[in-house]
Amino acid sequence: MMCPRTIWLDHGVIRQVGPTAEVIRAYIDAVDEALIGETARPGGSTLDQTDAIAVVGATLHDKNRRATSDFDYGDVLRVGLSCVARRDVEYVQCSLTIRGDYGPLFTATSDTFDCWRSGPHDLECVFESLPLLPGLYRVEVQVRHAATLALPLPRTIAAFRVTTDLSAFGSDSLVGATKSRGGFLAVAYDWRVQTSAGEQVLAGLRRPTIMAPSRRR
């Protein structure tokens, strides 16, 4: 049986008192805000300073390249990565994973680059559509190269919310949406990389249009 009223204590300080549902919602929102703020902090996404490649920045944009951390179901998600190669590195590959509360949901892995010269390298991964229920999601990155001694652990570089109201899905909502709390999804994506040699568009993942999520009208 749930208590009708709850007190939220934060290190001995009362943050909120009221109906249990409202206090829990406020607590979850505060945790979400803290995560988004932490990943947006300059330098917060930097990888191991001893590695040959560092991710020194990450950005999230919508279809129209507007910076945002709030998306709707079915929206385009653009993830930008600013990387620095501290020396010439061979066989570079980057993976981005979208993770929910219950585990990883979908991943985009780039082609393997034969060589990255010392200096800046900017990558963008464009996810065609977000088949996700409302909630908070994390963006994780793994960068591998010829000098990597072991499989690198994924690092959280950004976080975003899907804000579409559940009522928008209706009783006949897509099965894919109901799986966004756990399980693995197939989401189409493209990669682009910008270096001193210019921009390169890489082949990504494509799906039959019958599998693509769409909104109810």
C-alpha atoms as a PDB file:
ATOM      1  CA  MET A   1       0.000   0.000   0.000  1.00  0.00           C
ATOM      2  CA  MET A   2       1.422   3.400  -0.987  1.00  0.00           C
ATOM      3  CA  CYS A   3       1.503   6.269   1.499  1.00  0.00           C
ATOM      4  CA  PRO A   4      -0.692   9.181   0.342  1.00  0.00           C
ATOM      5  CA  ARG A   5       1.983  11.780   1.145  1.00  0.00           C
ATOM      6  CA  THR A   6       5.776  11.680   0.819  1.00  0.00           C
ATOM      7  CA  ILE A   7       8.777  13.772   1.874  1.00  0.00           C
ATOM      8  CA  TRP A   8      11.728  14.083  -0.496  1.00  0.00           C
ATOM      9  CA  LEU A   9      14.959  14.580   1.459  1.00  0.00           C
ATOM     10  CA  ASP A  10      18.140  15.596  -0.353  1.00  0.00           C
ATOM     11  CA  HIS A  11      21.188  15.270   1.937  1.00  0.00           C
ATOM     12  CA  GLY A  12      19.033  16.156   4.934  1.00  0.00           C
ATOM     13  CA  VAL A  13      17.287  19.074   3.210  1.00  0.00           C
ATOM     14  CA  ILE A  14      13.560  18.873   2.463  1.00  0.00           C
ATOM     15  CA  ARG A  15      13.110  19.373  -1.270  1.00  0.00           C
ATOM     16  CA  GLN A  16       9.386  18.707  -1.519  1.00  0.00           C
ATOM     17  CA  VAL A  17       6.419  17.533   0.553  1.00  0.00           C
ATOM     18  CA  GLY A  18       3.107  16.476  -0.947  1.00  0.00           C
ATOM     19  CA  PRO A  19       1.109  13.747  -2.652  1.00  0.00           C
ATOM     20  CA  THR A  20       3.318  10.727  -3.317  1.00  0.00           C
ATOM     21  CA  ALA A  21       2.810  10.709  -7.099  1.00  0.00           C
ATOM     22  CA  GLU A  22       3.763  14.399  -7.389  1.00  0.00           C
ATOM     23  CA  VAL A  23       6.872  14.045  -5.219  1.00  0.00           C
ATOM     24  CA  ILE A  24       8.090  10.973  -7.112  1.00  0.00           C
ATOM     25  CA  ARG A  25       7.512  12.742 -10.434  1.00  0.00           C
ATOM     26  CA  ALA A  26       9.481  15.776  -9.235  1.00  0.00           C
ATOM     27  CA  TYR A  27      12.334  13.541  -8.053  1.00  0.00           C
ATOM     28  CA  ILE A  28      12.535  11.690 -11.385  1.00  0.00           C
ATOM     29  CA  ASP A  29      12.471  14.994 -13.286  1.00  0.00           C
ATOM     30  CA  ALA A  30      15.310  16.307 -11.115  1.00  0.00           C
ATOM     31  CA  VAL A  31      17.414  13.207 -11.808  1.00  0.00           C
ATOM     32  CA  ASP A  32      16.760  13.625 -15.538  1.00  0.00           C
ATOM     33  CA  GLU A  33      17.755  17.305 -15.420  1.00  0.00           C
ATOM     34  CA  ALA A  34      20.952  16.461 -13.536  1.00  0.00           C
ATOM     35  CA  LEU A  35      21.966  13.862 -16.122  1.00  0.00           C
ATOM     36  CA  ILE A  36      21.240  16.147 -19.067  1.00  0.00           C
ATOM     37  CA  GLY A  37      23.117  18.983 -17.364  1.00  0.00           C
ATOM     38  CA  GLU A  38      26.116  16.784 -16.583  1.00  0.00           C
ATOM     39  CA  THR A  39      26.468  15.481 -20.137  1.00  0.00           C
ATOM     40  CA  ALA A  40      26.039  18.994 -21.554  1.00  0.00           C
ATOM     41  CA  ARG A  41      28.838  20.367 -19.358  1.00  0.00           C
ATOM     42  CA  PRO A  42      31.952  21.372 -21.366  1.00  0.00           C
ATOM     43  CA  GLY A  43      34.481  18.567 -21.135  1.00  0.00           C
ATOM     44  CA  GLY A  44      31.928  16.230 -19.578  1.00  0.00           C
ATOM     45  CA  SER A  45      32.106  13.837 -22.513  1.00  0.00           C
ATOM     46  CA  THR A  46      35.885  13.675 -22.878  1.00  0.00           C
ATOM     47  CA  LEU A  47      37.327  10.186 -23.081  1.00  0.00           C
ATOM     48  CA  ASP A  48      40.465   8.928 -21.378  1.00  0.00           C
ATOM     49  CA  GLN A  49      43.172  11.552 -21.756  1.00  0.00           C
ATOM     50  CA  THR A  50      45.757   8.837 -22.385  1.00  0.00           C
ATOM     51  CA  ASP A  51      43.946   7.466 -25.432  1.00  0.00           C
ATOM     52  CA  ALA A  52      45.052   8.308 -28.956  1.00  0.00           C
ATOM     53  CA  ILE A  53      41.578   9.683 -29.726  1.00  0.00           C
ATOM     54  CA  ALA A  54      39.493  11.904 -27.456  1.00  0.00           C
ATOM     55  CA  VAL A  55      35.839  12.856 -27.816  1.00  0.00           C
ATOM     56  CA  VAL A  56      35.900  16.480 -26.680  1.00  0.00           C
ATOM     57  CA  GLY A  57      32.308  17.451 -27.443  1.00  0.00           C
ATOM     58  CA  ALA A  58      28.881  16.083 -28.284  1.00  0.00           C
ATOM     59  CA  THR A  59      25.727  17.801 -29.542  1.00  0.00           C
ATOM     60  CA  LEU A  60      22.130  16.775 -30.166  1.00  0.00           C
ATOM     61  CA  HIS A  61      20.080  18.394 -32.934  1.00  0.00           C
ATOM     62  CA  ASP A  62      16.678  17.880 -34.498  1.00  0.00           C
ATOM     63  CA  LYS A  63      15.859  17.459 -38.184  1.00  0.00           C
ATOM     64  CA  ASN A  64      16.372  21.192 -38.805  1.00  0.00           C
ATOM     65  CA  ARG A  65      19.723  21.223 -36.966  1.00  0.00           C
ATOM     66  CA  ARG A  66      18.337  23.027 -33.928  1.00  0.00           C
ATOM     67  CA  ALA A  67      20.091  22.116 -30.679  1.00  0.00           C
ATOM     68  CA  THR A  68      17.666  20.404 -28.303  1.00  0.00           C
ATOM     69  CA  SER A  69      17.351  17.679 -25.688  1.00  0.00           C
ATOM     70  CA  ASP A  70      13.587  17.183 -26.176  1.00  0.00           C
ATOM     71  CA  PHE A  71      12.232  15.053 -29.021  1.00  0.00           C
ATOM     72  CA  ASP A  72       8.910  13.564 -30.062  1.00  0.00           C
ATOM     73  CA  TYR A  73       8.235   9.989 -31.081  1.00  0.00           C
ATOM     74  CA  GLY A  74       9.371   9.479 -34.691  1.00  0.00           C
ATOM     75  CA  ASP A  75      11.653  12.546 -34.769  1.00  0.00           C
ATOM     76  CA  VAL A  76      15.018  12.645 -36.507  1.00  0.00           C
ATOM     77  CA  LEU A  77      17.967  12.666 -34.076  1.00  0.00           C
ATOM     78  CA  ARG A  78      21.310  14.139 -35.118  1.00  0.00           C
ATOM     79  CA  VAL A  79      24.265  13.320 -32.870  1.00  0.00           C
ATOM     80  CA  GLY A  80      27.432  15.334 -33.455  1.00  0.00           C
ATOM     81  CA  LEU A  81      30.833  14.248 -32.136  1.00  0.00           C
ATOM     82  CA  SER A  82      33.937  16.427 -31.991  1.00  0.00           C
ATOM     83  CA  CYS A  83      37.009  14.210 -31.818  1.00  0.00           C
ATOM     84  CA  VAL A  84      40.724  14.891 -31.659  1.00  0.00           C
ATOM     85  CA  ALA A  85      43.371  12.427 -32.785  1.00  0.00           C
ATOM     86  CA  ARG A  86      46.477  13.084 -30.701  1.00  0.00           C
ATOM     87  CA  ARG A  87      48.585  11.306 -33.284  1.00  0.00           C
ATOM     88  CA  ASP A  88      48.062   9.462 -36.563  1.00  0.00           C
ATOM     89  CA  VAL A  89      45.800   6.470 -35.877  1.00  0.00           C
ATOM     90  CA  GLU A  90      44.804   3.570 -38.122  1.00  0.00           C
ATOM     91  CA  TYR A  91      41.550   1.623 -38.404  1.00  0.00           C
ATOM     92  CA  VAL A  92      39.243   3.949 -36.490  1.00  0.00           C
ATOM     93  CA  GLN A  93      35.638   2.928 -35.876  1.00  0.00           C
ATOM     94  CA  CYS A  94      32.945   4.685 -33.856  1.00  0.00           C
ATOM     95  CA  SER A  95      29.709   3.296 -32.401  1.00  0.00           C
ATOM     96  CA  LEU A  96      26.795   5.201 -30.890  1.00  0.00           C
ATOM     97  CA  THR A  97      24.234   3.428 -28.729  1.00  0.00           C
ATOM     98  CA  ILE A  98      20.909   4.736 -27.454  1.00  0.00           C
ATOM     99  CA  ARG A  99      20.227   3.296 -24.003  1.00  0.00           C
ATOM    100  CA  GLY A 100      17.002   3.275 -22.004  1.00  0.00           C
ATOM    101  CA  ASP A 101      16.380   2.397 -18.372  1.00  0.00           C
ATOM    102  CA  TYR A 102      16.547  -1.328 -19.088  1.00  0.00           C
ATOM    103  CA  GLY A 103      19.508  -1.553 -21.432  1.00  0.00           C
ATOM    104  CA  PRO A 104      20.717  -0.678 -24.950  1.00  0.00           C
ATOM    105  CA  LEU A 105      18.021  -0.181 -27.592  1.00  0.00           C
ATOM    106  CA  PHE A 106      19.775   0.502 -30.901  1.00  0.00           C
ATOM    107  CA  THR A 107      23.286   1.149 -32.182  1.00  0.00           C
ATOM    108  CA  ALA A 108      24.911   2.856 -35.165  1.00  0.00           C
ATOM    109  CA  THR A 109      28.440   1.746 -36.081  1.00  0.00           C
ATOM    110  CA  SER A 110      30.516   3.639 -38.618  1.00  0.00           C
ATOM    111  CA  ASP A 111      32.670   2.182 -41.353  1.00  0.00           C
ATOM    112  CA  THR A 112      36.307   1.656 -40.399  1.00  0.00           C
ATOM    113  CA  PHE A 113      38.500   4.595 -41.360  1.00  0.00           C
ATOM    114  CA  ASP A 114      41.874   3.460 -42.673  1.00  0.00           C
ATOM    115  CA  CYS A 115      43.702   6.374 -41.067  1.00  0.00           C
ATOM    116  CA  TRP A 116      42.954   9.475 -39.049  1.00  0.00           C
ATOM    117  CA  ARG A 117      45.682  12.067 -39.199  1.00  0.00           C
ATOM    118  CA  SER A 118      46.587  13.968 -36.078  1.00  0.00           C
ATOM    119  CA  GLY A 119      44.073  16.761 -35.497  1.00  0.00           C
ATOM    120  CA  PRO A 120      40.304  17.374 -35.302  1.00  0.00           C
ATOM    121  CA  HIS A 121      37.693  15.050 -36.774  1.00  0.00           C
ATOM    122  CA  ASP A 122      33.968  15.855 -36.621  1.00  0.00           C
ATOM    123  CA  LEU A 123      31.383  13.113 -37.066  1.00  0.00           C
ATOM    124  CA  GLU A 124      27.616  13.252 -37.313  1.00  0.00           C
ATOM    125  CA  CYS A 125      25.261  10.303 -37.022  1.00  0.00           C
ATOM    126  CA  VAL A 126      21.688  10.898 -38.175  1.00  0.00           C
ATOM    127  CA  PHE A 127      19.071   8.499 -36.826  1.00  0.00           C
ATOM    128  CA  GLU A 128      16.121   8.504 -39.210  1.00  0.00           C
ATOM    129  CA  SER A 129      13.409   8.125 -36.576  1.00  0.00           C
ATOM    130  CA  LEU A 130      13.094   7.607 -32.817  1.00  0.00           C
ATOM    131  CA  PRO A 131      10.735   4.666 -32.062  1.00  0.00           C
ATOM    132  CA  LEU A 132      10.742   5.473 -28.349  1.00  0.00           C
ATOM    133  CA  LEU A 133       8.186   5.862 -25.604  1.00  0.00           C
ATOM    134  CA  PRO A 134       8.244   8.984 -23.409  1.00  0.00           C
ATOM    135  CA  GLY A 135      11.206   8.999 -21.049  1.00  0.00           C
ATOM    136  CA  LEU A 136      14.897   9.749 -20.641  1.00  0.00           C
ATOM    137  CA  TYR A 137      17.493   8.125 -22.909  1.00  0.00           C
ATOM    138  CA  ARG A 138      21.289   8.162 -22.874  1.00  0.00           C
ATOM    139  CA  VAL A 139      23.678   8.383 -25.810  1.00  0.00           C
ATOM    140  CA  GLU A 140      26.819   6.264 -25.405  1.00  0.00           C
ATOM    141  CA  VAL A 141      29.943   6.246 -27.563  1.00  0.00           C
ATOM    142  CA  GLN A 142      32.700   3.714 -28.185  1.00  0.00           C
ATOM    143  CA  VAL A 143      35.778   4.593 -30.243  1.00  0.00           C
ATOM    144  CA  ARG A 144      38.065   1.787 -31.382  1.00  0.00           C
ATOM    145  CA  HIS A 145      41.302   1.876 -33.370  1.00  0.00           C
ATOM    146  CA  ALA A 146      44.372  -0.217 -34.129  1.00  0.00           C
ATOM    147  CA  ALA A 147      46.088   0.774 -30.874  1.00  0.00           C
ATOM    148  CA  THR A 148      43.116  -0.131 -28.675  1.00  0.00           C
ATOM    149  CA  LEU A 149      44.272  -2.899 -26.353  1.00  0.00           C
ATOM    150  CA  ALA A 150      40.794  -4.047 -25.292  1.00  0.00           C
ATOM    151  CA  LEU A 151      37.191  -3.358 -26.179  1.00  0.00           C
ATOM    152  CA  PRO A 152      36.591   0.152 -24.799  1.00  0.00           C
ATOM    153  CA  LEU A 153      33.751   0.629 -22.368  1.00  0.00           C
ATOM    154  CA  PRO A 154      30.887   2.795 -23.625  1.00  0.00           C
ATOM    155  CA  ARG A 155      30.799   6.325 -22.222  1.00  0.00           C
ATOM    156  CA  THR A 156      27.664   8.426 -21.775  1.00  0.00           C
ATOM    157  CA  ILE A 157      28.132  11.610 -23.784  1.00  0.00           C
ATOM    158  CA  ALA A 158      24.598  13.040 -23.924  1.00  0.00           C
ATOM    159  CA  ALA A 159      21.023  12.483 -22.827  1.00  0.00           C
ATOM    160  CA  PHE A 160      17.642  13.413 -24.249  1.00  0.00           C
ATOM    161  CA  ARG A 161      13.941  13.038 -23.540  1.00  0.00           C
ATOM    162  CA  VAL A 162      11.081  11.792 -25.674  1.00  0.00           C
ATOM    163  CA  THR A 163       8.138  13.952 -24.622  1.00  0.00           C
ATOM    164  CA  THR A 164       5.221  12.644 -26.717  1.00  0.00           C
ATOM    165  CA  ASP A 165       2.200  11.977 -24.511  1.00  0.00           C
ATOM    166  CA  LEU A 166       1.328   8.292 -24.223  1.00  0.00           C
ATOM    167  CA  SER A 167      -2.230   9.033 -25.362  1.00  0.00           C
ATOM    168  CA  ALA A 168      -0.816   9.861 -28.811  1.00  0.00           C
ATOM    169  CA  PHE A 169      -0.062   6.188 -29.385  1.00  0.00           C
ATOM    170  CA  GLY A 170      -3.617   4.926 -28.964  1.00  0.00           C
ATOM    171  CA  SER A 171      -4.700   1.326 -28.604  1.00  0.00           C
ATOM    172  CA  ASP A 172      -3.190   0.310 -31.965  1.00  0.00           C
ATOM    173  CA  SER A 173       0.252   1.843 -31.422  1.00  0.00           C
ATOM    174  CA  LEU A 174       3.276   0.320 -33.129  1.00  0.00           C
ATOM    175  CA  VAL A 175       4.826  -2.735 -31.521  1.00  0.00           C
ATOM    176  CA  GLY A 176       8.201  -1.036 -31.846  1.00  0.00           C
ATOM    177  CA  ALA A 177       7.126   1.707 -29.468  1.00  0.00           C
ATOM    178  CA  THR A 178       6.102  -0.749 -26.772  1.00  0.00           C
ATOM    179  CA  LYS A 179       9.586  -2.278 -26.877  1.00  0.00           C
ATOM    180  CA  SER A 180      11.465   0.916 -26.078  1.00  0.00           C
ATOM    181  CA  ARG A 181      11.685  -0.074 -22.407  1.00  0.00           C
ATOM    182  CA  GLY A 182      13.813  -3.082 -23.309  1.00  0.00           C
ATOM    183  CA  GLY A 183      14.840  -5.191 -26.279  1.00  0.00           C
ATOM    184  CA  PHE A 184      16.720  -4.216 -29.402  1.00  0.00           C
ATOM    185  CA  LEU A 185      15.318  -2.017 -32.185  1.00  0.00           C
ATOM    186  CA  ALA A 186      16.374  -1.524 -35.810  1.00  0.00           C
ATOM    187  CA  VAL A 187      16.696   2.192 -36.597  1.00  0.00           C
ATOM    188  CA  ALA A 188      18.030   3.510 -39.901  1.00  0.00           C
ATOM    189  CA  TYR A 189      21.021   5.867 -39.767  1.00  0.00           C
ATOM    190  CA  ASP A 190      23.697   7.668 -41.800  1.00  0.00           C
ATOM    191  CA  TRP A 191      27.200   8.762 -40.849  1.00  0.00           C
ATOM    192  CA  ARG A 192      29.074  11.867 -41.992  1.00  0.00           C
ATOM    193  CA  VAL A 193      32.674  12.728 -41.154  1.00  0.00           C
ATOM    194  CA  GLN A 194      34.413  16.085 -41.585  1.00  0.00           C
ATOM    195  CA  THR A 195      38.215  16.275 -41.653  1.00  0.00           C
ATOM    196  CA  SER A 196      40.827  18.508 -43.222  1.00  0.00           C
ATOM    197  CA  ALA A 197      40.337  16.419 -46.372  1.00  0.00           C
ATOM    198  CA  GLY A 198      36.653  17.415 -46.588  1.00  0.00           C
ATOM    199  CA  GLU A 199      33.294  15.806 -45.843  1.00  0.00           C
ATOM    200  CA  GLN A 200      32.556  12.145 -46.439  1.00  0.00           C
ATOM    201  CA  VAL A 201      29.105  10.523 -46.327  1.00  0.00           C
ATOM    202  CA  LEU A 202      29.160   6.879 -45.281  1.00  0.00           C
ATOM    203  CA  ALA A 203      26.722   4.100 -45.993  1.00  0.00           C
ATOM    204  CA  GLY A 204      24.471   3.443 -43.021  1.00  0.00           C
ATOM    205  CA  LEU A 205      21.559   1.194 -42.177  1.00  0.00           C
ATOM    206  CA  ARG A 206      18.370   1.106 -44.239  1.00  0.00           C
ATOM    207  CA  ARG A 207      15.068  -0.568 -43.452  1.00  0.00           C
ATOM    208  CA  PRO A 208      12.029  -1.430 -45.591  1.00  0.00           C
ATOM    209  CA  THR A 209       9.512   1.411 -45.362  1.00  0.00           C
ATOM    210  CA  ILE A 210       6.936  -0.986 -43.918  1.00  0.00           C
ATOM    211  CA  MET A 211       9.072  -1.090 -40.753  1.00  0.00           C
ATOM    212  CA  ALA A 212       9.436   2.674 -40.395  1.00  0.00           C
ATOM    213  CA  PRO A 213       7.544   4.212 -37.447  1.00  0.00           C
ATOM    214  CA  SER A 214       4.870   6.788 -38.169  1.00  0.00           C
ATOM    215  CA  ARG A 215       2.476   8.851 -36.122  1.00  0.00           C
ATOM    216  CA  ARG A 216      -1.241   8.287 -35.913  1.00  0.00           C
ATOM    217  CA  ARG A 217      -3.127  11.060 -37.618  1.00  0.00           C
END
